[in-house]
């Protein structure tokens, strides 16, 4: 039997095209997407707003507060971006992710504290984001010392 006869080549070509088409569809449908970028896009809708205390003294803004998480298995970092203008536009950026699961995580509501200090004028306009998505920042107590 001649494996490379005209009829067999036709079926090999059709099979090859089907495999390429399946791979093409899988790649563009997200089957092979990397999770590293998707991790930051997770839905953190359980956080409705961020409540913080604000203190201002000698050109320094000090925001402190806590965010409630459904489990202790989340990690959180916070930084501030001050955009030069007058008044300055400041974004307090919270970056939240689920820690890599090494073992089971207890389903215990957990409070994670934060504190961020940055320099800006008293008139600075401050907002907040979680993983680059805007979220309401509510000030529970404000102290301004001039």
N, C-alpha and C. Protein backbone atom coordinates (compact mmCIF):
# COMPACT_ATOMS: atom_id res chain seq x y z
N UNK A 1 0.85 -1.18 0.00
CA UNK A 1 0.00 0.00 0.00
C UNK A 1 0.89 1.24 0.00
N UNK A 2 0.59 2.13 -0.88
CA UNK A 2 1.36 3.37 -0.98
C UNK A 2 0.73 4.42 -0.06
N UNK A 3 1.43 4.73 1.06
CA UNK A 3 0.90 5.66 2.06
C UNK A 3 0.74 7.07 1.49
N UNK A 4 1.58 7.43 0.56
CA UNK A 4 1.56 8.79 0.03
C UNK A 4 0.83 8.88 -1.30
N UNK A 5 -0.16 8.03 -1.53
CA UNK A 5 -0.90 8.15 -2.79
C UNK A 5 -1.80 9.37 -2.73
N UNK A 6 -2.41 9.69 -3.83
CA UNK A 6 -3.19 10.91 -3.97
C UNK A 6 -4.35 10.97 -2.97
N UNK A 7 -5.04 9.87 -2.77
CA UNK A 7 -6.18 9.82 -1.85
C UNK A 7 -5.73 10.05 -0.40
N UNK A 8 -4.64 9.41 0.03
CA UNK A 8 -4.14 9.58 1.39
C UNK A 8 -3.64 11.00 1.63
N UNK A 9 -2.96 11.58 0.66
CA UNK A 9 -2.48 12.96 0.81
C UNK A 9 -3.64 13.92 1.01
N UNK A 10 -4.75 13.68 0.31
CA UNK A 10 -5.93 14.54 0.45
C UNK A 10 -6.44 14.48 1.89
N UNK A 11 -6.55 13.28 2.48
CA UNK A 11 -7.05 13.14 3.84
C UNK A 11 -6.06 13.69 4.87
N UNK A 12 -4.77 13.53 4.62
CA UNK A 12 -3.76 14.10 5.51
C UNK A 12 -3.85 15.62 5.49
N UNK A 13 -4.02 16.21 4.32
CA UNK A 13 -4.16 17.66 4.19
C UNK A 13 -5.41 18.15 4.91
N UNK A 14 -6.53 17.46 4.72
CA UNK A 14 -7.78 17.85 5.40
C UNK A 14 -7.61 17.75 6.91
N UNK A 15 -7.00 16.66 7.40
CA UNK A 15 -6.77 16.48 8.83
C UNK A 15 -5.88 17.60 9.37
N UNK A 16 -4.82 17.93 8.64
CA UNK A 16 -3.91 19.00 9.05
C UNK A 16 -4.62 20.34 9.13
N UNK A 17 -5.47 20.64 8.16
CA UNK A 17 -6.21 21.90 8.17
C UNK A 17 -7.19 21.96 9.35
N UNK A 18 -7.83 20.83 9.66
CA UNK A 18 -8.74 20.79 10.80
C UNK A 18 -7.98 21.04 12.10
N UNK A 19 -6.81 20.43 12.26
CA UNK A 19 -6.00 20.63 13.46
C UNK A 19 -5.58 22.09 13.58
N UNK A 20 -5.12 22.69 12.50
CA UNK A 20 -4.73 24.10 12.51
C UNK A 20 -5.93 24.98 12.86
N UNK A 21 -7.09 24.68 12.32
CA UNK A 21 -8.29 25.46 12.60
C UNK A 21 -8.67 25.35 14.08
N UNK A 22 -8.58 24.15 14.64
CA UNK A 22 -8.90 23.97 16.07
C UNK A 22 -7.93 24.75 16.94
N UNK A 23 -6.65 24.72 16.62
CA UNK A 23 -5.65 25.48 17.39
C UNK A 23 -5.93 26.97 17.26
N UNK A 24 -6.23 27.44 16.07
CA UNK A 24 -6.54 28.85 15.83
C UNK A 24 -7.73 29.30 16.67
N UNK A 25 -8.80 28.51 16.67
CA UNK A 25 -9.99 28.85 17.45
C UNK A 25 -9.67 28.83 18.94
N UNK A 26 -8.90 27.86 19.40
CA UNK A 26 -8.55 27.77 20.82
C UNK A 26 -7.73 28.97 21.27
N UNK A 27 -6.78 29.38 20.46
CA UNK A 27 -5.93 30.52 20.83
C UNK A 27 -6.74 31.79 20.92
N UNK A 28 -7.61 32.04 19.96
CA UNK A 28 -8.36 33.29 19.96
C UNK A 28 -9.60 33.26 20.85
N UNK A 29 -9.98 32.11 21.36
CA UNK A 29 -11.10 32.06 22.29
C UNK A 29 -10.62 32.15 23.74
N UNK A 30 -9.32 32.13 23.96
CA UNK A 30 -8.77 32.31 25.30
C UNK A 30 -8.44 31.03 26.03
N UNK A 31 -8.51 29.90 25.38
CA UNK A 31 -8.20 28.63 26.05
C UNK A 31 -6.77 28.62 26.56
N UNK A 32 -5.85 29.22 25.82
CA UNK A 32 -4.44 29.19 26.20
C UNK A 32 -3.97 30.51 26.79
N UNK A 33 -4.88 31.34 27.29
CA UNK A 33 -4.48 32.62 27.86
C UNK A 33 -3.70 32.40 29.14
N UNK A 34 -2.75 33.29 29.35
CA UNK A 34 -1.97 33.27 30.59
C UNK A 34 -2.83 33.80 31.72
N UNK A 35 -2.76 33.19 32.87
CA UNK A 35 -3.55 33.63 34.01
C UNK A 35 -2.95 34.83 34.72
N UNK A 36 -1.69 35.16 34.46
CA UNK A 36 -1.05 36.23 35.20
C UNK A 36 -1.77 37.56 35.01
N UNK A 37 -2.18 37.89 33.81
CA UNK A 37 -2.89 39.14 33.59
C UNK A 37 -4.34 39.01 34.05
N UNK A 38 -4.95 37.85 33.86
CA UNK A 38 -6.33 37.65 34.27
C UNK A 38 -6.49 37.72 35.77
N UNK A 39 -5.46 37.36 36.53
CA UNK A 39 -5.56 37.40 37.98
C UNK A 39 -5.89 38.81 38.46
N UNK A 40 -5.32 39.82 37.84
CA UNK A 40 -5.57 41.19 38.25
C UNK A 40 -6.94 41.68 37.82
N UNK A 41 -7.57 40.99 36.88
CA UNK A 41 -8.87 41.41 36.40
C UNK A 41 -10.01 40.69 37.12
N UNK A 42 -9.70 39.94 38.16
CA UNK A 42 -10.74 39.22 38.88
C UNK A 42 -11.76 40.19 39.45
N UNK A 43 -12.93 39.67 39.67
CA UNK A 43 -14.03 40.48 40.17
C UNK A 43 -13.94 40.58 41.69
N UNK A 44 -13.71 41.77 42.19
CA UNK A 44 -13.68 42.01 43.62
C UNK A 44 -14.91 42.81 44.02
N UNK A 45 -16.07 42.38 43.51
CA UNK A 45 -17.31 43.11 43.75
C UNK A 45 -17.76 43.02 45.21
N UNK A 46 -17.16 42.15 46.00
CA UNK A 46 -17.50 42.11 47.43
C UNK A 46 -17.00 43.36 48.13
N UNK A 47 -16.13 44.14 47.49
CA UNK A 47 -15.67 45.41 48.05
C UNK A 47 -16.50 46.51 47.38
N UNK A 48 -17.44 47.07 48.12
CA UNK A 48 -18.34 48.10 47.57
C UNK A 48 -17.74 49.50 47.65
N UNK A 49 -16.98 49.76 48.70
CA UNK A 49 -16.32 51.05 48.87
C UNK A 49 -15.17 50.87 49.84
N UNK A 50 -14.31 51.86 49.86
CA UNK A 50 -13.19 51.85 50.80
C UNK A 50 -13.39 53.01 51.76
N UNK A 51 -13.39 52.69 53.04
CA UNK A 51 -13.56 53.71 54.07
C UNK A 51 -12.20 53.95 54.71
N UNK A 52 -11.85 55.23 54.86
CA UNK A 52 -10.54 55.57 55.41
C UNK A 52 -10.63 56.82 56.27
N UNK A 53 -9.67 56.94 57.16
CA UNK A 53 -9.48 58.18 57.91
C UNK A 53 -8.41 58.97 57.19
N UNK A 54 -8.59 60.29 57.14
CA UNK A 54 -7.64 61.15 56.44
C UNK A 54 -7.09 62.19 57.40
N UNK A 55 -5.78 62.27 57.47
CA UNK A 55 -5.11 63.31 58.25
C UNK A 55 -4.20 64.08 57.31
N UNK A 56 -4.23 65.40 57.45
CA UNK A 56 -3.36 66.25 56.63
C UNK A 56 -2.58 67.16 57.57
N UNK A 57 -1.25 67.15 57.41
CA UNK A 57 -0.40 68.02 58.22
C UNK A 57 0.90 68.27 57.47
N UNK A 58 1.29 69.52 57.38
CA UNK A 58 2.57 69.93 56.78
C UNK A 58 2.76 69.38 55.37
N UNK A 59 1.71 69.40 54.57
CA UNK A 59 1.82 68.96 53.17
C UNK A 59 1.75 67.46 52.97
N UNK A 60 1.53 66.71 54.05
CA UNK A 60 1.45 65.25 53.93
C UNK A 60 0.03 64.77 54.19
N UNK A 61 -0.46 63.94 53.30
CA UNK A 61 -1.75 63.27 53.45
C UNK A 61 -1.49 61.88 54.00
N UNK A 62 -2.26 61.49 54.98
CA UNK A 62 -2.11 60.17 55.61
C UNK A 62 -3.49 59.51 55.62
N UNK A 63 -3.64 58.44 54.84
CA UNK A 63 -4.89 57.69 54.77
C UNK A 63 -4.69 56.33 55.43
N UNK A 64 -5.58 56.01 56.38
CA UNK A 64 -5.54 54.69 57.03
C UNK A 64 -6.94 54.10 57.02
N UNK A 65 -6.99 52.79 56.96
CA UNK A 65 -8.28 52.11 56.97
C UNK A 65 -8.09 50.62 56.89
N UNK A 66 -9.19 49.94 56.61
CA UNK A 66 -9.16 48.49 56.50
C UNK A 66 -10.18 48.05 55.45
N UNK A 67 -9.89 46.95 54.82
CA UNK A 67 -10.80 46.35 53.84
C UNK A 67 -11.11 44.94 54.32
N UNK A 68 -12.39 44.57 54.25
CA UNK A 68 -12.82 43.23 54.66
C UNK A 68 -12.75 42.28 53.47
N UNK A 69 -12.16 41.11 53.70
CA UNK A 69 -12.05 40.07 52.68
C UNK A 69 -12.77 38.82 53.16
N UNK A 70 -13.32 38.03 52.23
CA UNK A 70 -14.05 36.82 52.63
C UNK A 70 -13.15 35.71 53.18
N UNK A 71 -11.86 35.77 52.87
CA UNK A 71 -10.90 34.79 53.38
C UNK A 71 -9.58 35.51 53.64
N UNK A 72 -8.69 34.91 54.42
CA UNK A 72 -7.37 35.51 54.64
C UNK A 72 -6.42 35.26 53.48
N UNK A 73 -6.88 34.61 52.44
CA UNK A 73 -6.00 34.20 51.33
C UNK A 73 -5.79 35.27 50.28
N UNK A 74 -6.13 36.51 50.58
CA UNK A 74 -5.89 37.60 49.64
C UNK A 74 -4.65 38.38 50.05
N UNK A 75 -3.95 38.91 49.06
CA UNK A 75 -2.84 39.81 49.33
C UNK A 75 -3.25 41.20 48.85
N UNK A 76 -2.73 42.22 49.51
CA UNK A 76 -3.09 43.58 49.15
C UNK A 76 -1.86 44.47 49.28
N UNK A 77 -1.69 45.33 48.30
CA UNK A 77 -0.66 46.37 48.39
C UNK A 77 -1.32 47.69 48.01
N UNK A 78 -0.73 48.78 48.45
CA UNK A 78 -1.30 50.10 48.17
C UNK A 78 -0.18 51.08 47.86
N UNK A 79 -0.42 51.92 46.86
CA UNK A 79 0.51 53.00 46.55
C UNK A 79 -0.30 54.19 46.06
N UNK A 80 0.36 55.32 45.91
CA UNK A 80 -0.33 56.54 45.47
C UNK A 80 0.37 57.12 44.26
N UNK A 81 -0.42 57.58 43.31
CA UNK A 81 0.10 58.27 42.14
C UNK A 81 -0.37 59.72 42.24
N UNK A 82 0.57 60.64 42.31
CA UNK A 82 0.26 62.07 42.39
C UNK A 82 0.53 62.68 41.03
N UNK A 83 -0.51 63.18 40.40
CA UNK A 83 -0.37 63.82 39.09
C UNK A 83 -0.24 65.32 39.30
N UNK A 84 0.81 65.86 38.76
CA UNK A 84 1.11 67.28 38.95
C UNK A 84 0.09 68.15 38.23
N UNK A 85 -0.58 68.96 38.98
CA UNK A 85 -1.50 69.99 38.50
C UNK A 85 -1.88 70.77 39.74
N UNK A 86 -2.74 71.73 39.60
CA UNK A 86 -3.23 72.36 40.82
C UNK A 86 -4.73 72.50 40.73
N UNK A 87 -5.46 71.89 41.63
CA UNK A 87 -4.91 71.00 42.65
C UNK A 87 -4.45 69.67 42.04
N UNK A 88 -3.59 68.99 42.75
CA UNK A 88 -3.09 67.70 42.26
C UNK A 88 -4.24 66.68 42.20
N UNK A 89 -4.13 65.77 41.25
CA UNK A 89 -5.04 64.62 41.17
C UNK A 89 -4.27 63.42 41.69
N UNK A 90 -4.80 62.80 42.73
CA UNK A 90 -4.11 61.68 43.37
C UNK A 90 -4.99 60.44 43.26
N UNK A 91 -4.38 59.34 42.87
CA UNK A 91 -5.07 58.06 42.85
C UNK A 91 -4.39 57.13 43.85
N UNK A 92 -5.18 56.66 44.81
CA UNK A 92 -4.68 55.65 45.74
C UNK A 92 -5.01 54.31 45.08
N UNK A 93 -3.96 53.58 44.72
CA UNK A 93 -4.13 52.32 43.98
C UNK A 93 -3.98 51.12 44.91
N UNK A 94 -5.05 50.36 44.99
CA UNK A 94 -5.02 49.11 45.74
C UNK A 94 -4.84 47.98 44.73
N UNK A 95 -3.87 47.13 44.97
CA UNK A 95 -3.66 45.95 44.13
C UNK A 95 -3.97 44.74 44.99
N UNK A 96 -4.97 43.98 44.55
CA UNK A 96 -5.44 42.84 45.33
C UNK A 96 -5.35 41.59 44.47
N UNK A 97 -4.94 40.51 45.11
CA UNK A 97 -4.86 39.23 44.41
C UNK A 97 -5.08 38.12 45.41
N UNK A 98 -5.53 36.99 44.90
CA UNK A 98 -5.62 35.81 45.75
C UNK A 98 -4.23 35.21 45.85
N UNK A 99 -3.82 34.90 47.06
CA UNK A 99 -2.51 34.27 47.24
C UNK A 99 -2.54 32.91 46.56
N UNK A 100 -1.39 32.49 46.10
CA UNK A 100 -1.30 31.17 45.49
C UNK A 100 -1.64 30.13 46.54
N UNK A 101 -2.59 29.29 46.22
CA UNK A 101 -3.09 28.32 47.21
C UNK A 101 -2.13 27.15 47.35
N UNK A 102 -1.50 27.08 48.50
CA UNK A 102 -0.62 25.96 48.82
C UNK A 102 -1.44 24.89 49.54
N UNK A 103 -2.35 25.34 50.37
CA UNK A 103 -3.24 24.42 51.07
C UNK A 103 -4.61 25.09 51.16
N UNK A 104 -5.55 24.41 51.76
CA UNK A 104 -6.91 24.94 51.87
C UNK A 104 -6.91 26.26 52.64
N UNK A 105 -7.82 27.12 52.26
CA UNK A 105 -7.91 28.44 52.88
C UNK A 105 -9.20 28.51 53.70
N UNK A 106 -9.09 28.92 54.94
CA UNK A 106 -10.26 29.02 55.82
C UNK A 106 -11.22 30.09 55.30
N UNK A 107 -12.49 29.80 55.35
CA UNK A 107 -13.51 30.76 54.93
C UNK A 107 -13.86 31.65 56.12
N UNK A 108 -12.93 32.51 56.49
CA UNK A 108 -13.09 33.40 57.63
C UNK A 108 -12.96 34.84 57.15
N UNK A 109 -13.96 35.65 57.46
CA UNK A 109 -13.89 37.06 57.08
C UNK A 109 -12.66 37.67 57.76
N UNK A 110 -11.85 38.35 56.95
CA UNK A 110 -10.57 38.86 57.42
C UNK A 110 -10.43 40.34 57.07
N UNK A 111 -9.96 41.11 58.04
CA UNK A 111 -9.74 42.54 57.84
C UNK A 111 -8.26 42.76 57.51
N UNK A 112 -8.01 43.47 56.41
CA UNK A 112 -6.63 43.82 56.04
C UNK A 112 -6.49 45.34 56.16
N UNK A 113 -5.54 45.76 56.98
CA UNK A 113 -5.31 47.19 57.20
C UNK A 113 -4.40 47.78 56.13
N UNK A 114 -4.58 49.06 55.89
CA UNK A 114 -3.70 49.76 54.96
C UNK A 114 -3.37 51.14 55.51
N UNK A 115 -2.26 51.67 55.04
CA UNK A 115 -1.86 53.04 55.35
C UNK A 115 -1.02 53.54 54.18
N UNK A 116 -1.34 54.73 53.72
CA UNK A 116 -0.58 55.34 52.63
C UNK A 116 -0.37 56.81 52.98
N UNK A 117 0.86 57.27 52.81
CA UNK A 117 1.21 58.67 53.07
C UNK A 117 1.83 59.23 51.79
N UNK A 118 1.37 60.40 51.40
CA UNK A 118 1.94 61.04 50.21
C UNK A 118 1.90 62.55 50.38
N UNK A 119 2.72 63.23 49.61
CA UNK A 119 2.82 64.67 49.67
C UNK A 119 2.00 65.29 48.55
N UNK A 120 1.14 66.24 48.92
CA UNK A 120 0.33 67.00 47.96
C UNK A 120 -0.28 68.17 48.71
N UNK A 121 -0.82 69.11 47.97
CA UNK A 121 -1.44 70.27 48.61
C UNK A 121 -2.71 69.86 49.35
N UNK A 122 -3.16 70.75 50.23
CA UNK A 122 -4.38 70.49 50.99
C UNK A 122 -5.58 70.32 50.06
N UNK A 123 -5.56 71.00 48.91
CA UNK A 123 -6.68 70.98 47.97
C UNK A 123 -6.67 69.78 47.02
N UNK A 124 -5.74 68.88 47.17
CA UNK A 124 -5.61 67.74 46.24
C UNK A 124 -6.93 66.97 46.13
N UNK A 125 -7.22 66.51 44.92
CA UNK A 125 -8.41 65.69 44.65
C UNK A 125 -7.95 64.23 44.68
N UNK A 126 -8.55 63.45 45.59
CA UNK A 126 -8.09 62.08 45.81
C UNK A 126 -9.19 61.09 45.45
N UNK A 127 -8.81 60.06 44.71
CA UNK A 127 -9.71 58.96 44.37
C UNK A 127 -9.00 57.65 44.61
N UNK A 128 -9.70 56.55 44.36
CA UNK A 128 -9.11 55.23 44.61
C UNK A 128 -9.48 54.26 43.49
N UNK A 129 -8.62 53.27 43.31
CA UNK A 129 -8.88 52.18 42.37
C UNK A 129 -8.51 50.85 43.03
N UNK A 130 -9.19 49.81 42.58
CA UNK A 130 -8.79 48.44 42.93
C UNK A 130 -8.44 47.76 41.62
N UNK A 131 -7.20 47.35 41.50
CA UNK A 131 -6.71 46.72 40.26
C UNK A 131 -7.09 47.56 39.05
N UNK A 132 -6.88 48.86 39.17
CA UNK A 132 -7.09 49.85 38.12
C UNK A 132 -8.56 50.10 37.77
N UNK A 133 -9.48 49.63 38.60
CA UNK A 133 -10.91 49.93 38.40
C UNK A 133 -11.33 50.90 39.50
N UNK A 134 -11.97 52.02 39.14
CA UNK A 134 -12.35 53.02 40.15
C UNK A 134 -13.29 52.43 41.21
N UNK A 135 -13.11 52.90 42.43
CA UNK A 135 -13.98 52.50 43.54
C UNK A 135 -14.19 53.73 44.42
N UNK A 136 -15.32 53.78 45.08
CA UNK A 136 -15.65 54.92 45.93
C UNK A 136 -14.76 54.93 47.17
N UNK A 137 -14.19 56.09 47.46
CA UNK A 137 -13.38 56.29 48.66
C UNK A 137 -14.17 57.18 49.60
N UNK A 138 -14.54 56.65 50.75
CA UNK A 138 -15.34 57.38 51.72
C UNK A 138 -14.46 57.74 52.92
N UNK A 139 -14.48 59.01 53.29
CA UNK A 139 -13.67 59.47 54.43
C UNK A 139 -14.55 59.44 55.68
N UNK A 140 -14.18 58.62 56.66
CA UNK A 140 -14.97 58.49 57.88
C UNK A 140 -14.62 59.57 58.90
N UNK A 141 -13.36 60.00 58.88
CA UNK A 141 -12.91 61.03 59.81
C UNK A 141 -11.79 61.80 59.12
N UNK A 142 -11.84 63.12 59.26
CA UNK A 142 -10.81 63.93 58.60
C UNK A 142 -10.25 64.93 59.60
N UNK A 143 -8.93 65.00 59.66
CA UNK A 143 -8.24 65.95 60.52
C UNK A 143 -7.26 66.74 59.67
N UNK A 144 -7.43 68.07 59.68
CA UNK A 144 -6.52 68.93 58.91
C UNK A 144 -5.86 69.90 59.88
N UNK A 145 -4.54 69.82 59.93
CA UNK A 145 -3.75 70.71 60.79
C UNK A 145 -2.93 71.59 59.87
N UNK A 146 -3.09 72.89 60.03
CA UNK A 146 -2.34 73.80 59.14
C UNK A 146 -1.18 74.44 59.86
